[in-house]
Amino acid sequence: MGKRKVTALEKVDVDFAGLQYKIRRDPKSYEENFLQQWGQYESQREVFLVSPTTATREYTESFHNLVDLLAHTVDLYPKHAVAFPDDLKAILLQHHEVLHPELREKIVGALALLRKKDVIDSTYYLTTLFPILVSSPSKSLRTLLFGKILTEMRNANSKATNHPLNRTIQTVLYNLITADRTSPKAVWAVKLTRELWKRQIWTDAKTVDVMKEAALSDNEKVVVGSVRFFLGGDKEREELEDDSSDEEQIDLQKMKHQIGINKKSKKQANAYKKAVAKIHKQERGKGKPHPLNFSAFHLLHDPQGFAETVFQKHLQNTKTKFSHENKLLVLQLVTRLVGLHKLTIISLYSWFIKFLTPRQESVTSYLASLAQGTHSLVPPDAVEPLIQKIANEFVSEAAAAEVAAAGLNAIREICVRQPLAMSDTLLQDLVQYRKSKDKGTMMAAKGLLSLYREVGADLLQKKDRGKDASMGLRSGEIKTKRFGEEEVGGIEGIELLARYKEEQRKLKRAAKGLPEDGADKDEDEDEEGYKSEDWEVDSDDSDDSGGWINVDHSDDEDEPAPKKRRTAEDGSDEEEEDEEEDADELERIQKLATTTILTPADLAKLQELRMEASLNKTLGKTSKRSKEAEKALARHADDGLTAEQIEAPAKLRKTTKEERVALAQEGKPGREEHKSTQAIRRSKKEAEGKSSTNKEKARQKNFMMTLNKAKYKNKRSLVQTKKVLQGHIERSKRGGRRANGT
């Protein structure tokens, strides 16, 4: 049987890709063909709207092709473009569960194409997809929709922040979470918000409000997703930035080396120019100020109310069915909020009591949470029983070394934040553990001792205070802060600038031959309010106008005071002079900070003095212990305390031989046999397909092969030697025999 001939009209009907190309090239000429396809689409659409399950495979495939064709061409016929998106939306919303997967994905793709052609706006597109994302049982469809929504949000906010669209979607997500607190559908709102925050598309307080409501949900998955957002959302964002910056790094040196070796071409030269331009652009970007990136904790509207509600609902409530791991996450959130914002939740500290035993599961996490939930405004009476409980349960002769080290470290972390919670008798007992044979326990006790030498030396015995603390107590430099007392803030390093200005003033006066301690005429006029009239009035008042004149009796001068008394008086005078000098210096610094407008030159000098001071501090003779203490104090307030930091002293024990071998092998992967560094480098080079250099080849050349050349070199005349050297110089100038350097 011969093959049937296909007419031209049938070819047009069958070849959708060709028809699409022709319609787009000449819409007016092919309008009749478009209307014919539109009629077929309308007849098939009715079937899918009434009963999509009864459609055959051929019918589904035909409708699939029609949707594809119309999605690419309907924007050319605005009259039909109005109804087409609504039809697709109706089919998708009503029958997304029973539609064939390929047809379903094609309809979603058609809506995305219509959005790209601006037939529909972003709000219409996203409000169509999001309800299906929340309710669809198909995992593949949910993944597709989630990706489409993210892409649209990124594109809509690429050039400038699209505030109306962001507010609309945030309201949709907020309503989804608050409409039904028990529904698991809110998980998608949490996932979408976390992803948009991570990509820095949403960075405002409304985003944090959405996640705040999610944390108050009754569904465990929704709560955990929200808590993880608060605890790790900013770190995810920073890691994403680091990854993107690492990917964009270009090795210019390597490219230049390859150009020097390989044959020159325009393609290579253009690639090198583009790489240089890209690096210059990155360097310019580094110089720009980084946009403020507020943490989610700082954007919370009412942290006190939020922390109290979360604590009462998920931790205090005995009916909560959360797993132990998830309860710990919620506890970390509450304590981070309390510590960061210095909130007051007194019931939180009494709730901790029952968990502070070494037998408690994940006890170091509880200790870390307690420490990060303590701050200077917590009443010492609320924390003191907890410290006593930790000391009784963890720090004893019967306890294991790791337990004692963790307990002492936890007590230290609590006392760093609230030193007034420690009693003198308990502190003196705990400090005795610095003589322990276990290194971890000893270091933890020494850490507690060094802390109280700085913040509460009066609680220590005289022998434990150390030289600096004893001298500080005697001179009054070290004073224990009272409850609620805060240090007055100021400009960092302003005292350095004040001292520098004073030194410069003295140098100028010395250059003029004036005394250093005197004041300039200008300064007298400005600061003292010098006026000639006042001076004239004072000069008129003579001593002859009457009044008593005190004259020292000569007998008093002849009678010397007792030696001890004189010494005491001299000492008191010196102390008074020191106090006066300190007061004068403090007044000068405050005056400079409050009454003087710092010029750009002053600010530059201030920055220079700060750097110089920090350099001197770094290069100074400081012990390893003090450096570690500075590192611990430099921890950012936003960074939480982890269980690993509580357990750190316990890891200071001496490692076994097996552990040392395992640790050494960890840092040297892929080393089955012992090899020298040169051998490893050579094998790595060979694996990458790199050849050896000419120097290496010359060094490894067989000795017998070099004899003849050596003999010939000795017999060369001066003219021949000059010719060879000249040729070598010329070749090196032009980049070798192939002139790769030019």
Foldseek 3Di string as FASTA:
>chain_A
DDDDDDDPVVCCVVPLVVVLVVCVVPVVVCVVVLVVLVVVLVVLLVCLLVPVQPDDPVSLVSNLSSLLSCLSRVVVPLVVLVCSLVSLLSSCVPCVARHDVSSNVSSLVSLLSCCVVVSDDLQVNLVSLLVCLLPHPDPVSVVVSLVSNLVSLCVVPVVHQPVVSVVVVLVVLQCVCPVALADPSNLSSLVSLLVCLLCVNDQALSSLVSLLSQCLGLHLSSNLSSLCCQQCSVVSSVVVVVVVVVVLDDDLVVLLVVLLPDFDDPVSVVVSVVNVVSVVVVVVVVPDDDPDRDRSLVSHDDLQVSLVSSCVPAPVDPPRPDDPVSSLSSLLSSLLSCLLVVYDDLVVLVSLLVQLAPVHPPSLSSLQSLLSSAALQYPLVSCLVVLVSLCVHQPDPPHDPLSLLLSLQSSQSNCLGHVVNDALVVLAVQLVQLPPPFQLSVVSSVSSLVSCLQAPLVSYDPVSNDDVSVVCVVLVVHDHDDRPDDDDDFDPQLLVLLVVVLVVQQVVCVVVVHHSPDDDPVCCCVPVVDDVVVVVVVVVDDPVPDDDDDDDDPVVVVDDDDPVVVVVVVVVVVSVVVVVVVVVSVVSSVCCRPPPDQDPVSVVVSVVSVVVVVVCVVPDDDDPVVVVVVVVVPDDSSDGGGSCSSSVSVVPGDDDPVVVVVVVCVVPPPPPDDDDPVVVVVVVCVVVVHDDDPVVCVVPDDPVVCVVVVVVVVVDDPVVVVVVVVVVVVQVVQSHPSSSVD
